[in-house]
Amino acid sequence: MFDLTFSLLEGGLPQQGRVVVLFRFTTPAKIVRSGMLNFDRTEGRFVGPQRNPQLMDAALEFIQSVAPGAAPRSEKTA
């Protein structure tokens, strides 16, 4: 993955316990990929379709950097 970037989806979420993280990256074949990950604060894990573990680990680090306390440091991405 190259040029990996994250941002948080702002507003309009009916569930306060979730953090929606948007991502974008370029593959080695120069294909741009994007999508979103849903992190459930109550469960302390990502929910929904599973993605590349590296992507999910990087997203967790992003969440921890912009929303301290949103995700435990010992988070698993199962």
Protein backbone atom coordinates (compact mmCIF):
# COMPACT_ATOMS: atom_id res chain seq x y z
CA MET A 1 0.00 0.00 0.00
CA PHE A 2 1.24 3.44 -0.93
CA ASP A 3 -0.06 6.91 -0.08
CA LEU A 4 -2.34 5.60 2.68
CA THR A 5 -4.60 8.34 4.05
CA PHE A 6 -7.42 8.36 6.58
CA SER A 7 -10.19 10.75 7.59
CA LEU A 8 -13.19 10.57 9.88
CA LEU A 9 -16.75 10.69 8.57
CA GLU A 10 -18.33 13.75 10.16
CA GLY A 11 -21.95 13.99 11.32
CA GLY A 12 -25.11 12.20 10.39
CA LEU A 13 -24.36 8.99 12.26
CA PRO A 14 -27.29 7.50 14.16
CA GLN A 15 -25.06 5.38 16.41
CA GLN A 16 -22.89 7.40 18.78
CA GLY A 17 -20.82 4.36 19.69
CA ARG A 18 -19.29 4.03 16.23
CA VAL A 19 -16.38 5.74 14.54
CA VAL A 20 -16.40 5.64 10.74
CA VAL A 21 -12.95 5.93 9.18
CA LEU A 22 -12.58 6.62 5.47
CA PHE A 23 -9.41 5.34 3.81
CA ARG A 24 -7.62 5.70 0.49
CA PHE A 25 -4.45 4.06 -0.82
CA THR A 26 -2.67 3.09 -4.03
CA THR A 27 -1.74 -0.52 -4.75
CA PRO A 28 1.65 -1.57 -6.15
CA ALA A 29 -0.14 -1.92 -9.51
CA LYS A 30 -1.04 1.81 -9.29
CA ILE A 31 -4.74 1.14 -8.64
CA VAL A 32 -6.43 3.55 -6.23
CA ARG A 33 -8.58 1.88 -3.58
CA SER A 34 -10.87 3.53 -1.06
CA GLY A 35 -13.52 2.56 1.43
CA MET A 36 -14.59 2.83 5.02
CA LEU A 37 -14.10 0.97 8.27
CA ASN A 38 -16.54 0.96 11.19
CA PHE A 39 -15.08 0.86 14.69
CA ASP A 40 -17.47 0.05 17.52
CA ARG A 41 -16.30 1.86 20.67
CA THR A 42 -18.43 -0.34 22.96
CA GLU A 43 -17.12 -3.63 21.54
CA GLY A 44 -13.60 -2.23 21.06
CA ARG A 45 -13.23 -3.68 17.58
CA PHE A 46 -13.86 -3.12 13.90
CA VAL A 47 -17.21 -4.43 12.67
CA GLY A 48 -18.36 -5.27 9.18
CA PRO A 49 -16.32 -6.65 6.30
CA GLN A 50 -12.77 -7.58 7.30
CA ARG A 51 -9.94 -5.92 5.43
CA ASN A 52 -6.19 -6.27 5.22
CA PRO A 53 -4.77 -6.53 8.78
CA GLN A 54 -2.16 -3.85 7.96
CA LEU A 55 -4.91 -1.47 6.90
CA MET A 56 -6.94 -2.12 10.04
CA ASP A 57 -3.90 -1.70 12.30
CA ALA A 58 -3.05 1.61 10.62
CA ALA A 59 -6.69 2.73 10.96
CA LEU A 60 -6.63 1.89 14.65
CA GLU A 61 -3.49 3.99 15.11
CA PHE A 62 -5.24 6.84 13.27
CA ILE A 63 -8.30 6.59 15.55
CA GLN A 64 -6.08 6.62 18.64
CA SER A 65 -4.22 9.70 17.39
CA VAL A 66 -7.30 11.81 16.58
CA ALA A 67 -9.74 10.56 19.21
CA PRO A 68 -7.83 9.60 22.37
CA GLY A 69 -9.79 7.14 24.44
CA ALA A 70 -11.89 6.01 21.48
CA ALA A 71 -9.99 2.75 21.14
CA PRO A 72 -8.04 0.74 23.68
CA ARG A 73 -4.31 0.39 23.01
CA SER A 74 -4.48 -3.40 23.09
CA GLU A 75 -7.12 -3.48 20.32
CA LYS A 76 -7.58 -6.56 18.21
CA THR A 77 -8.96 -6.22 14.68
CA ALA A 78 -10.97 -9.44 14.53
